[in-house]
Amino acid sequence: MKSEMPQGTLDIVVLQVVAAGAIHGYALAQKIRLISRDVLQIQQGSLYPALHRLENRGFLMAEWKGSETGRDAKFYRLTARGRAHLKKETTRWARLSEALALIRRSAEGGVP
């Protein structure tokens, strides 16, 4: 079952996966799909604008290199600024996730 990604989460997902090491766009989309067990399927029309936006904001750096297919591909890696942004956003998402879990437990009759 395909699931739509909530608004504003694509950037954090991309940064989190790129944090593991340099990766090109196609491999990034495949890795997100694999890690999420096919729940998140990022289309090129969303992924590449996000990569360019993150690069323009200084969160990613890119360089052209040969890929596993032998063709040149643009590999993205996290910058120090991107790592700091990822840390801040990860903390924010963790707080939001905790709050949602508390609300769910409370709605189910549990003690928050």
C-alpha atoms as a PDB file:
ATOM      1  CA  MET A   1       0.000   0.000   0.000  1.00  0.00           C
ATOM      2  CA  LYS A   2       1.453   3.347  -1.020  1.00  0.00           C
ATOM      3  CA  SER A   3       1.382   6.065   1.573  1.00  0.00           C
ATOM      4  CA  GLU A   4       1.639   9.779   1.015  1.00  0.00           C
ATOM      5  CA  MET A   5       4.430  11.437   2.919  1.00  0.00           C
ATOM      6  CA  PRO A   6       3.194  14.169   5.258  1.00  0.00           C
ATOM      7  CA  GLN A   7       4.003  17.671   4.066  1.00  0.00           C
ATOM      8  CA  GLY A   8       7.499  18.795   5.016  1.00  0.00           C
ATOM      9  CA  THR A   9       8.997  15.375   5.682  1.00  0.00           C
ATOM     10  CA  LEU A  10      10.779  14.751   2.373  1.00  0.00           C
ATOM     11  CA  ASP A  11      13.744  16.980   3.242  1.00  0.00           C
ATOM     12  CA  ILE A  12      14.359  15.286   6.598  1.00  0.00           C
ATOM     13  CA  VAL A  13      14.065  11.827   5.022  1.00  0.00           C
ATOM     14  CA  VAL A  14      16.556  12.760   2.294  1.00  0.00           C
ATOM     15  CA  LEU A  15      19.016  14.294   4.758  1.00  0.00           C
ATOM     16  CA  GLN A  16      18.756  11.290   7.076  1.00  0.00           C
ATOM     17  CA  VAL A  17      19.561   8.808   4.300  1.00  0.00           C
ATOM     18  CA  VAL A  18      22.339  10.945   2.818  1.00  0.00           C
ATOM     19  CA  ALA A  19      23.880  11.206   6.305  1.00  0.00           C
ATOM     20  CA  ALA A  20      24.903   7.546   5.947  1.00  0.00           C
ATOM     21  CA  GLY A  21      27.190   8.412   3.024  1.00  0.00           C
ATOM     22  CA  ALA A  22      27.388   9.901  -0.460  1.00  0.00           C
ATOM     23  CA  ILE A  23      24.646   8.628  -2.752  1.00  0.00           C
ATOM     24  CA  HIS A  24      23.152   9.488  -6.137  1.00  0.00           C
ATOM     25  CA  GLY A  25      19.491  10.302  -6.692  1.00  0.00           C
ATOM     26  CA  TYR A  26      18.269   6.995  -8.104  1.00  0.00           C
ATOM     27  CA  ALA A  27      20.023   4.981  -5.380  1.00  0.00           C
ATOM     28  CA  LEU A  28      18.629   7.379  -2.771  1.00  0.00           C
ATOM     29  CA  ALA A  29      15.055   6.800  -3.943  1.00  0.00           C
ATOM     30  CA  GLN A  30      15.620   3.035  -3.934  1.00  0.00           C
ATOM     31  CA  LYS A  31      17.166   3.099  -0.449  1.00  0.00           C
ATOM     32  CA  ILE A  32      14.246   5.109   0.953  1.00  0.00           C
ATOM     33  CA  ARG A  33      11.835   2.626  -0.596  1.00  0.00           C
ATOM     34  CA  LEU A  34      13.800  -0.336   0.784  1.00  0.00           C
ATOM     35  CA  ILE A  35      14.248   1.063   4.301  1.00  0.00           C
ATOM     36  CA  SER A  36      10.566   2.047   4.527  1.00  0.00           C
ATOM     37  CA  ARG A  37       9.473  -1.392   3.266  1.00  0.00           C
ATOM     38  CA  ASP A  38       7.853   0.193   0.196  1.00  0.00           C
ATOM     39  CA  VAL A  39       5.744   2.625   2.234  1.00  0.00           C
ATOM     40  CA  LEU A  40       7.659   5.654   0.932  1.00  0.00           C
ATOM     41  CA  GLN A  41       8.092   5.732  -2.832  1.00  0.00           C
ATOM     42  CA  ILE A  42       9.628   9.029  -3.864  1.00  0.00           C
ATOM     43  CA  GLN A  43       8.995  10.021  -7.468  1.00  0.00           C
ATOM     44  CA  GLN A  44      11.692  11.765  -9.510  1.00  0.00           C
ATOM     45  CA  GLY A  45       9.448  14.810  -9.851  1.00  0.00           C
ATOM     46  CA  SER A  46       9.629  15.273  -6.079  1.00  0.00           C
ATOM     47  CA  LEU A  47      13.103  13.927  -5.315  1.00  0.00           C
ATOM     48  CA  TYR A  48      15.260  15.958  -7.672  1.00  0.00           C
ATOM     49  CA  PRO A  49      13.704  19.343  -6.811  1.00  0.00           C
ATOM     50  CA  ALA A  50      14.213  18.449  -3.115  1.00  0.00           C
ATOM     51  CA  LEU A  51      17.872  17.561  -3.746  1.00  0.00           C
ATOM     52  CA  HIS A  52      18.437  20.838  -5.588  1.00  0.00           C
ATOM     53  CA  ARG A  53      16.651  22.808  -2.869  1.00  0.00           C
ATOM     54  CA  LEU A  54      18.783  21.167  -0.146  1.00  0.00           C
ATOM     55  CA  GLU A  55      21.930  21.806  -2.178  1.00  0.00           C
ATOM     56  CA  ASN A  56      20.981  25.473  -2.679  1.00  0.00           C
ATOM     57  CA  ARG A  57      20.384  25.845   1.073  1.00  0.00           C
ATOM     58  CA  GLY A  58      23.884  24.524   1.758  1.00  0.00           C
ATOM     59  CA  PHE A  59      22.700  21.286   3.404  1.00  0.00           C
ATOM     60  CA  LEU A  60      24.040  19.035   0.631  1.00  0.00           C
ATOM     61  CA  MET A  61      27.095  19.100  -1.617  1.00  0.00           C
ATOM     62  CA  ALA A  62      27.163  17.305  -4.926  1.00  0.00           C
ATOM     63  CA  GLU A  63      29.830  16.020  -7.267  1.00  0.00           C
ATOM     64  CA  TRP A  64      29.736  14.028 -10.467  1.00  0.00           C
ATOM     65  CA  LYS A  65      31.269  10.551 -10.253  1.00  0.00           C
ATOM     66  CA  GLY A  66      30.930   7.204 -11.940  1.00  0.00           C
ATOM     67  CA  SER A  67      28.076   5.100 -10.596  1.00  0.00           C
ATOM     68  CA  GLU A  68      27.793   1.331 -10.246  1.00  0.00           C
ATOM     69  CA  THR A  69      26.358   1.220 -13.781  1.00  0.00           C
ATOM     70  CA  GLY A  70      29.462   2.908 -15.181  1.00  0.00           C
ATOM     71  CA  ARG A  71      27.564   6.075 -16.021  1.00  0.00           C
ATOM     72  CA  ASP A  72      28.292   9.402 -14.381  1.00  0.00           C
ATOM     73  CA  ALA A  73      25.851  10.417 -11.672  1.00  0.00           C
ATOM     74  CA  LYS A  74      25.578  13.318  -9.272  1.00  0.00           C
ATOM     75  CA  PHE A  75      26.459  12.061  -5.783  1.00  0.00           C
ATOM     76  CA  TYR A  76      25.135  14.003  -2.813  1.00  0.00           C
ATOM     77  CA  ARG A  77      26.680  14.223   0.628  1.00  0.00           C
ATOM     78  CA  LEU A  78      25.760  16.054   3.799  1.00  0.00           C
ATOM     79  CA  THR A  79      27.571  19.276   4.679  1.00  0.00           C
ATOM     80  CA  ALA A  80      28.312  20.437   8.243  1.00  0.00           C
ATOM     81  CA  ARG A  81      25.404  22.847   7.899  1.00  0.00           C
ATOM     82  CA  GLY A  82      23.192  19.977   6.720  1.00  0.00           C
ATOM     83  CA  ARG A  83      24.265  17.817   9.651  1.00  0.00           C
ATOM     84  CA  ALA A  84      23.364  20.617  12.107  1.00  0.00           C
ATOM     85  CA  HIS A  85      19.983  21.120  10.408  1.00  0.00           C
ATOM     86  CA  LEU A  86      19.322  17.367  10.477  1.00  0.00           C
ATOM     87  CA  LYS A  87      20.080  17.224  14.205  1.00  0.00           C
ATOM     88  CA  LYS A  88      17.710  20.124  14.912  1.00  0.00           C
ATOM     89  CA  GLU A  89      14.916  18.664  12.763  1.00  0.00           C
ATOM     90  CA  THR A  90      15.370  15.154  14.173  1.00  0.00           C
ATOM     91  CA  THR A  91      14.943  16.534  17.690  1.00  0.00           C
ATOM     92  CA  ARG A  92      11.832  18.430  16.603  1.00  0.00           C
ATOM     93  CA  TRP A  93      10.334  15.324  14.956  1.00  0.00           C
ATOM     94  CA  ALA A  94      11.096  13.187  18.010  1.00  0.00           C
ATOM     95  CA  ARG A  95       9.230  15.659  20.239  1.00  0.00           C
ATOM     96  CA  LEU A  96       6.276  15.705  17.856  1.00  0.00           C
ATOM     97  CA  SER A  97       6.243  11.911  17.661  1.00  0.00           C
ATOM     98  CA  GLU A  98       6.251  11.638  21.456  1.00  0.00           C
ATOM     99  CA  ALA A  99       3.362  14.109  21.707  1.00  0.00           C
ATOM    100  CA  LEU A 100       1.334  12.160  19.138  1.00  0.00           C
ATOM    101  CA  ALA A 101       1.983   8.902  21.016  1.00  0.00           C
ATOM    102  CA  LEU A 102       0.782  10.508  24.253  1.00  0.00           C
ATOM    103  CA  ILE A 103      -2.393  11.712  22.556  1.00  0.00           C
ATOM    104  CA  ARG A 104      -3.020   8.273  21.041  1.00  0.00           C
ATOM    105  CA  ARG A 105      -2.522   6.530  24.410  1.00  0.00           C
ATOM    106  CA  SER A 106      -4.808   9.019  26.113  1.00  0.00           C
ATOM    107  CA  ALA A 107      -7.499   8.492  23.453  1.00  0.00           C
ATOM    108  CA  GLU A 108      -7.217   4.727  23.999  1.00  0.00           C
ATOM    109  CA  GLY A 109      -7.851   5.188  27.724  1.00  0.00           C
ATOM    110  CA  GLY A 110      -4.223   4.936  28.781  1.00  0.00           C
ATOM    111  CA  VAL A 111      -2.445   7.264  31.113  1.00  0.00           C
ATOM    112  CA  PRO A 112      -0.372   9.862  29.266  1.00  0.00           C
END
